[in-house]
Amino acid sequence: MTTELDRYYQDFRQRFSQMSEEELIEAFNREVGNPGWVSVRGEYLFALQEEFGRREIDFSAIGDETRMSLANKIGLSEKTIIVLPPPEE
């Protein structure tokens, strides 16, 4: 039986599969600094993490298959995610 969360997850997977790598990075960076949490956000981030893996993007700088840090914005160098320094105030 498909749940509502499953439908959200499938929708996110489809959307991410159609994005460029730069758009995926932007999708991640929009989540940085957002302390709110709902189940749909979890599905969003899980689908994003899976898309990084599907494209063989090394995201070890921000996590692994079980977690992902939203502490800092990221960039992409070749197929490797890099953590960007915080903006100077």
Protein backbone atom coordinates (compact mmCIF):
# COMPACT_ATOMS: atom_id res chain seq x y z
CA MET A 1 0.00 0.00 0.00
CA THR A 2 1.41 3.37 -1.04
CA THR A 3 1.32 6.05 1.63
CA GLU A 4 1.20 9.79 1.14
CA LEU A 5 4.86 10.01 2.20
CA ASP A 6 5.74 7.41 -0.44
CA ARG A 7 4.10 9.57 -3.08
CA TYR A 8 6.07 12.61 -1.92
CA TYR A 9 9.28 10.59 -2.02
CA GLN A 10 8.56 9.34 -5.57
CA ASP A 11 7.76 12.88 -6.69
CA PHE A 12 11.02 14.19 -5.23
CA ARG A 13 12.99 11.35 -6.88
CA GLN A 14 11.49 12.18 -10.25
CA ARG A 15 12.14 15.91 -9.88
CA PHE A 16 15.73 15.40 -8.75
CA SER A 17 16.45 12.98 -11.60
CA GLN A 18 15.60 15.76 -14.06
CA MET A 19 17.75 18.44 -12.40
CA SER A 20 21.26 19.41 -13.34
CA GLU A 21 23.99 18.86 -10.77
CA GLU A 22 24.03 22.60 -10.08
CA GLU A 23 20.29 22.52 -9.40
CA LEU A 24 20.77 19.63 -6.96
CA ILE A 25 23.36 21.67 -5.07
CA GLU A 26 20.93 24.62 -4.96
CA ALA A 27 18.19 22.29 -3.67
CA PHE A 28 20.48 21.20 -0.84
CA ASN A 29 21.65 24.73 -0.03
CA ARG A 30 18.06 25.95 0.36
CA GLU A 31 17.74 23.57 3.31
CA VAL A 32 20.85 24.80 5.16
CA GLY A 33 19.99 26.80 8.27
CA ASN A 34 16.36 25.67 8.33
CA PRO A 35 15.75 24.15 11.78
CA GLY A 36 12.17 23.05 11.03
CA TRP A 37 11.39 19.39 10.56
CA VAL A 38 8.45 17.51 9.10
CA SER A 39 8.23 14.04 7.61
CA VAL A 40 7.95 15.37 4.06
CA ARG A 41 11.26 17.20 4.52
CA GLY A 42 12.82 13.90 5.53
CA GLU A 43 11.60 12.30 2.29
CA TYR A 44 12.92 15.28 0.32
CA LEU A 45 16.38 14.98 1.86
CA PHE A 46 16.45 11.19 1.52
CA ALA A 47 15.57 11.44 -2.19
CA LEU A 48 18.23 14.15 -2.64
CA GLN A 49 20.85 12.02 -0.91
CA GLU A 50 19.93 9.06 -3.12
CA GLU A 51 20.25 11.20 -6.25
CA PHE A 52 23.76 12.23 -5.20
CA GLY A 53 24.58 8.54 -4.88
CA ARG A 54 22.89 7.58 -8.15
CA ARG A 55 25.05 10.16 -9.96
CA GLU A 56 28.14 8.92 -8.12
CA ILE A 57 28.68 12.28 -6.48
CA ASP A 58 30.97 11.91 -3.47
CA PHE A 59 29.03 13.45 -0.58
CA SER A 60 31.25 12.10 2.22
CA ALA A 61 32.10 15.69 3.25
CA ILE A 62 28.51 16.11 4.48
CA GLY A 63 27.49 12.59 5.44
CA ASP A 64 27.02 8.98 4.46
CA GLU A 65 24.16 6.65 3.53
CA THR A 66 22.48 7.11 6.92
CA ARG A 67 22.83 10.85 7.61
CA MET A 68 23.53 14.18 5.99
CA SER A 69 24.64 17.40 7.68
CA LEU A 70 22.77 20.59 6.84
CA ALA A 71 25.21 22.76 8.80
CA ASN A 72 26.91 24.40 5.81
CA LYS A 73 26.24 25.27 2.22
CA ILE A 74 28.03 23.18 -0.34
CA GLY A 75 29.55 23.41 -3.78
CA LEU A 76 30.59 20.83 -6.34
CA SER A 77 34.08 20.23 -7.67
CA GLU A 78 34.14 17.57 -10.38
CA LYS A 79 32.01 14.83 -8.76
CA THR A 80 32.86 15.75 -5.17
CA ILE A 81 30.82 17.86 -2.78
CA ILE A 82 32.84 20.47 -0.95
CA VAL A 83 31.77 22.39 2.14
CA LEU A 84 31.76 26.13 1.55
CA PRO A 85 33.07 28.49 4.23
CA PRO A 86 30.39 30.48 6.04
CA PRO A 87 29.86 33.95 4.61
CA GLU A 88 31.77 36.70 6.34
CA GLU A 89 29.61 39.06 8.33
